[in-house]
């Protein structure tokens, strides 16, 4: 099923599920935008290896997410979510369609459809 989903939709679904845990003080869209910001920071940083293959999980990527998910965002971080996002960094960076505009569009479409 997930093979038909694009990177933006996968991020949307992951954030919606994560926020359902009740540990977050922000909405799913805000979490997705926070993840996107961390990904863009990784891409711009010196830790990013442009030649890394998708699914490569660099320990430095995890650090970006730990810094992003502060106490004003989450009551208790989910290591599973952090590692899942770190595993997806290369895919998110290489996806030309992943943007704030497209995240907002996917969230709106799913709100309108009731999913």
Protein backbone atom coordinates (compact mmCIF):
# COMPACT_ATOMS: atom_id res chain seq x y z
CA UNK A 1 0.00 0.00 0.00
CA UNK A 2 2.70 2.52 0.91
CA UNK A 3 4.49 1.89 -2.40
CA UNK A 4 1.86 4.09 -4.10
CA UNK A 5 2.29 6.97 -1.66
CA UNK A 6 4.69 9.80 -2.34
CA UNK A 7 7.12 11.23 0.19
CA UNK A 8 4.77 14.09 1.14
CA UNK A 9 1.87 11.71 1.79
CA UNK A 10 4.09 9.37 3.80
CA UNK A 11 5.24 12.28 5.96
CA UNK A 12 1.63 13.41 6.37
CA UNK A 13 0.51 9.94 7.51
CA UNK A 14 3.47 9.47 9.85
CA UNK A 15 2.86 12.84 11.53
CA UNK A 16 -0.87 12.25 11.92
CA UNK A 17 -0.21 8.88 13.55
CA UNK A 18 2.52 10.31 15.76
CA UNK A 19 0.35 13.17 17.03
CA UNK A 20 -2.36 10.64 17.91
CA UNK A 21 0.00 9.39 20.64
CA UNK A 22 -0.99 12.43 22.68
CA UNK A 23 2.62 13.33 23.44
CA UNK A 24 2.71 16.37 21.16
CA UNK A 25 1.77 19.92 22.02
CA UNK A 26 1.42 20.83 18.32
CA UNK A 27 -0.81 19.73 15.45
CA UNK A 28 0.20 17.14 12.85
CA UNK A 29 0.77 19.79 10.18
CA UNK A 30 3.06 21.70 12.52
CA UNK A 31 4.97 18.50 13.23
CA UNK A 32 5.35 17.83 9.50
CA UNK A 33 6.62 21.36 8.94
CA UNK A 34 9.07 20.92 11.82
CA UNK A 35 10.34 17.70 10.24
CA UNK A 36 10.66 19.50 6.90
CA UNK A 37 12.68 22.28 8.56
CA UNK A 38 15.00 19.73 10.18
CA UNK A 39 15.45 18.01 6.80
CA UNK A 40 16.30 21.31 5.12
CA UNK A 41 18.76 22.10 7.94
CA UNK A 42 20.40 18.69 7.43
CA UNK A 43 20.62 19.27 3.70
CA UNK A 44 22.27 22.66 4.22
CA UNK A 45 24.61 21.38 6.94
CA UNK A 46 28.05 19.91 6.65
CA UNK A 47 26.86 16.53 7.97
CA UNK A 48 24.83 15.74 4.86
CA UNK A 49 26.42 13.30 2.42
CA UNK A 50 24.92 14.00 -1.00
CA UNK A 51 26.04 10.56 -2.21
CA UNK A 52 24.38 8.67 0.66
CA UNK A 53 21.86 6.10 -0.47
CA UNK A 54 18.20 6.41 0.53
CA UNK A 55 17.53 4.75 3.86
CA UNK A 56 20.94 5.70 5.17
CA UNK A 57 20.57 6.75 8.78
CA UNK A 58 23.38 9.00 9.89
CA UNK A 59 23.62 9.53 13.64
CA UNK A 60 23.99 13.26 12.94
CA UNK A 61 20.53 13.29 11.35
CA UNK A 62 19.06 11.99 14.58
CA UNK A 63 20.67 14.86 16.46
CA UNK A 64 18.85 17.38 14.25
CA UNK A 65 15.51 15.78 15.12
CA UNK A 66 16.28 15.63 18.83
CA UNK A 67 17.08 19.35 18.75
CA UNK A 68 13.90 20.09 16.78
CA UNK A 69 11.60 18.18 19.12
CA UNK A 70 11.95 20.35 22.20
CA UNK A 71 9.77 20.43 25.31
CA UNK A 72 7.56 23.13 23.78
CA UNK A 73 6.74 20.66 20.99
CA UNK A 74 6.53 17.28 22.69
CA UNK A 75 6.09 15.99 26.23
CA UNK A 76 8.11 12.84 25.55
CA UNK A 77 10.01 12.17 22.34
CA UNK A 78 9.31 8.97 20.45
CA UNK A 79 12.64 7.44 19.53
CA UNK A 80 10.86 5.28 16.98
CA UNK A 81 9.53 8.37 15.22
CA UNK A 82 12.92 10.12 15.36
CA UNK A 83 14.68 7.10 13.86
CA UNK A 84 11.97 6.67 11.21
CA UNK A 85 12.37 10.31 10.15
CA UNK A 86 16.18 9.98 10.16
CA UNK A 87 15.87 6.91 7.92
CA UNK A 88 13.79 8.95 5.47
CA UNK A 89 16.07 12.00 5.30
CA UNK A 90 17.71 11.10 1.97
CA UNK A 91 14.34 10.32 0.37
CA UNK A 92 12.91 13.59 1.64
CA UNK A 93 15.87 15.60 0.40
CA UNK A 94 15.78 13.99 -3.03
CA UNK A 95 12.02 14.47 -3.45
CA UNK A 96 11.47 17.65 -5.45
CA UNK A 97 7.79 17.76 -4.50
CA UNK A 98 8.31 17.88 -0.73
CA UNK A 99 7.65 21.46 0.30
CA UNK A 100 5.63 23.47 2.78
CA UNK A 101 3.09 24.26 0.06
CA UNK A 102 2.62 20.59 -0.84
CA UNK A 103 2.42 19.53 2.81
CA UNK A 104 -0.32 22.08 3.41
CA UNK A 105 -2.09 20.87 0.26
CA UNK A 106 -1.99 17.19 1.36
CA UNK A 107 -3.24 18.11 4.83
CA UNK A 108 -6.08 20.18 3.36
CA UNK A 109 -7.07 17.45 0.90
CA UNK A 110 -7.18 14.89 3.68
CA UNK A 111 -9.15 17.18 5.98
CA UNK A 112 -11.64 17.83 3.20
CA UNK A 113 -12.00 14.11 2.48
CA UNK A 114 -12.32 13.23 6.17
CA UNK A 115 -9.31 10.85 6.32
